[in-house]
Amino acid sequence: QVHLVESGGGSVQAGGSLRLSCVVSGNTYSTRCMGWFRQAPGKEREGVATTYTGDGSKLYGDSVMGRFTISQDDAKSTLYLEMNSLKPEDSAMYYCAVDLSSWAWCTEGPKFDDNYKFWGQGTQVTVSS
């Protein structure tokens, strides 16, 4: 079993930055897919960034490429999403997701696969113009 707790959301002005954190507890020894997804009101959930711990591969959404960075600190069992040059369209609830996996299905692309077993409760990001 894996438990996820996100934090770091908030309200910022356009052009600002935020860093989201997701503390992972439980089975943290297996290779796994880890990712960030977001959902704005009235919109479908979309993938933002994912990483596979087995090979360090990453996948970013087109709308966040070059602005967002996904990373992890294994010593702290924490997944991060560094968000820079934020835009109002980045406003959404951001969710952390983890799936234990022996292969990098989550970073193959080009589209995101949201078939993750474990999800956090989300953290709200609001960007004002």
Protein backbone atom coordinates (compact mmCIF):
# COMPACT_ATOMS: atom_id res chain seq x y z
CA GLN A 1 0.00 0.00 0.00
CA VAL A 2 1.17 3.52 -0.78
CA HIS A 3 -0.05 6.74 0.79
CA LEU A 4 0.45 10.14 -0.81
CA VAL A 5 0.20 13.60 0.70
CA GLU A 6 0.58 16.70 -1.47
CA SER A 7 1.45 20.19 -0.32
CA GLY A 8 2.79 23.47 -1.66
CA GLY A 9 -0.21 24.77 -3.56
CA GLY A 10 -1.38 28.33 -3.19
CA SER A 11 -2.23 31.55 -4.97
CA VAL A 12 0.34 33.41 -7.04
CA GLN A 13 0.39 36.03 -9.73
CA ALA A 14 1.17 35.20 -13.32
CA GLY A 15 4.89 34.79 -13.83
CA GLY A 16 5.39 33.52 -10.31
CA SER A 17 6.64 30.17 -9.07
CA LEU A 18 5.51 27.38 -6.79
CA ARG A 19 6.97 24.06 -5.74
CA LEU A 20 4.61 21.21 -5.06
CA SER A 21 5.65 18.32 -2.85
CA CYS A 22 4.26 14.82 -2.53
CA VAL A 23 5.40 12.70 0.38
CA VAL A 24 5.22 9.00 -0.43
CA SER A 25 4.84 6.49 2.38
CA GLY A 26 4.38 2.75 2.34
CA ASN A 27 6.06 0.62 -0.31
CA THR A 28 8.78 2.92 -1.56
CA TYR A 29 11.33 0.28 -2.48
CA SER A 30 9.94 -0.92 -5.76
CA THR A 31 10.49 0.79 -9.05
CA ARG A 32 7.54 2.92 -9.81
CA CYS A 33 5.89 5.43 -12.00
CA MET A 34 5.31 8.77 -10.30
CA GLY A 35 3.52 11.72 -11.73
CA TRP A 36 1.62 14.93 -11.43
CA PHE A 37 -1.80 15.47 -12.94
CA ARG A 38 -4.16 18.42 -12.76
CA GLN A 39 -7.81 19.09 -13.19
CA ALA A 40 -9.50 22.45 -13.57
CA PRO A 41 -13.23 22.92 -13.01
CA GLY A 42 -15.23 21.68 -15.97
CA LYS A 43 -12.19 20.14 -17.63
CA GLU A 44 -10.81 16.65 -17.91
CA ARG A 45 -7.84 15.59 -15.85
CA GLU A 46 -4.60 16.05 -17.74
CA GLY A 47 -1.09 14.82 -17.28
CA VAL A 48 1.51 17.40 -16.32
CA ALA A 49 4.72 15.49 -15.74
CA THR A 50 5.70 11.92 -14.96
CA THR A 51 8.86 10.04 -14.13
CA TYR A 52 9.90 6.41 -13.89
CA THR A 53 12.31 5.62 -11.08
CA GLY A 54 13.79 2.60 -12.84
CA ASP A 55 15.56 4.60 -15.54
CA GLY A 56 14.97 8.24 -14.62
CA SER A 57 12.94 8.89 -17.73
CA LYS A 58 10.51 11.79 -17.73
CA LEU A 59 7.54 12.97 -19.73
CA TYR A 60 6.16 16.50 -19.77
CA GLY A 61 2.98 17.94 -21.12
CA ASP A 62 3.37 20.30 -24.05
CA SER A 63 1.81 23.18 -22.14
CA VAL A 64 4.33 22.98 -19.30
CA MET A 65 7.48 21.99 -21.18
CA GLY A 66 10.33 24.27 -20.24
CA ARG A 67 8.45 25.78 -17.30
CA PHE A 68 7.84 22.83 -14.97
CA THR A 69 10.34 20.31 -13.64
CA ILE A 70 9.57 16.99 -11.97
CA SER A 71 12.10 15.57 -9.55
CA GLN A 72 12.36 13.28 -6.59
CA ASP A 73 14.34 12.98 -3.39
CA ASP A 74 14.53 9.31 -2.48
CA ALA A 75 16.03 10.07 0.93
CA LYS A 76 12.92 12.08 1.77
CA SER A 77 10.53 9.84 -0.19
CA THR A 78 9.24 12.97 -1.83
CA LEU A 79 8.21 13.85 -5.36
CA TYR A 80 8.41 17.48 -6.42
CA LEU A 81 6.99 19.65 -9.15
CA GLU A 82 8.83 22.92 -9.62
CA MET A 83 6.55 25.33 -11.48
CA ASN A 84 7.94 28.52 -12.97
CA SER A 85 6.49 31.24 -15.20
CA LEU A 86 3.04 30.30 -14.06
CA LYS A 87 0.06 31.27 -16.19
CA PRO A 88 -3.61 31.65 -15.28
CA GLU A 89 -4.33 28.54 -17.34
CA ASP A 90 -2.16 26.55 -14.93
CA SER A 91 -4.80 27.04 -12.25
CA ALA A 92 -6.16 23.67 -11.18
CA MET A 93 -6.16 21.03 -8.50
CA TYR A 94 -2.87 19.19 -8.76
CA TYR A 95 -2.68 15.51 -7.89
CA CYS A 96 0.26 13.28 -7.20
CA ALA A 97 0.04 9.69 -8.44
CA VAL A 98 2.17 6.58 -7.96
CA ASP A 99 2.08 3.11 -9.44
CA LEU A 100 4.44 0.25 -8.71
CA SER A 101 5.76 -0.91 -12.03
CA SER A 102 8.58 -2.91 -13.54
CA TRP A 103 8.58 -0.94 -16.79
CA ALA A 104 8.33 2.67 -17.86
CA TRP A 105 4.81 2.73 -19.27
CA CYS A 106 4.25 6.13 -17.73
CA THR A 107 6.97 7.93 -19.67
CA GLU A 108 6.61 6.28 -23.06
CA GLY A 109 4.42 9.05 -24.40
CA PRO A 110 3.35 10.81 -26.42
CA LYS A 111 0.16 10.89 -24.39
CA PHE A 112 -0.17 10.50 -20.65
CA ASP A 113 -1.64 7.33 -19.22
CA ASP A 114 -3.45 7.96 -15.93
CA ASN A 115 -3.79 4.31 -14.96
CA TYR A 116 -2.12 4.85 -11.61
CA LYS A 117 -3.14 2.79 -8.60
CA PHE A 118 -2.45 5.35 -5.89
CA TRP A 119 -3.55 9.00 -5.81
CA GLY A 120 -3.21 11.85 -3.38
CA GLN A 121 -5.98 14.20 -2.30
CA GLY A 122 -4.69 17.12 -4.32
CA THR A 123 -3.40 20.62 -3.71
CA GLN A 124 -4.94 23.72 -5.26
CA VAL A 125 -2.95 26.08 -7.44
CA THR A 126 -4.46 29.41 -8.43
CA VAL A 127 -2.69 31.81 -10.75
CA SER A 128 -4.08 35.31 -11.14
CA SER A 129 -3.44 37.60 -14.07
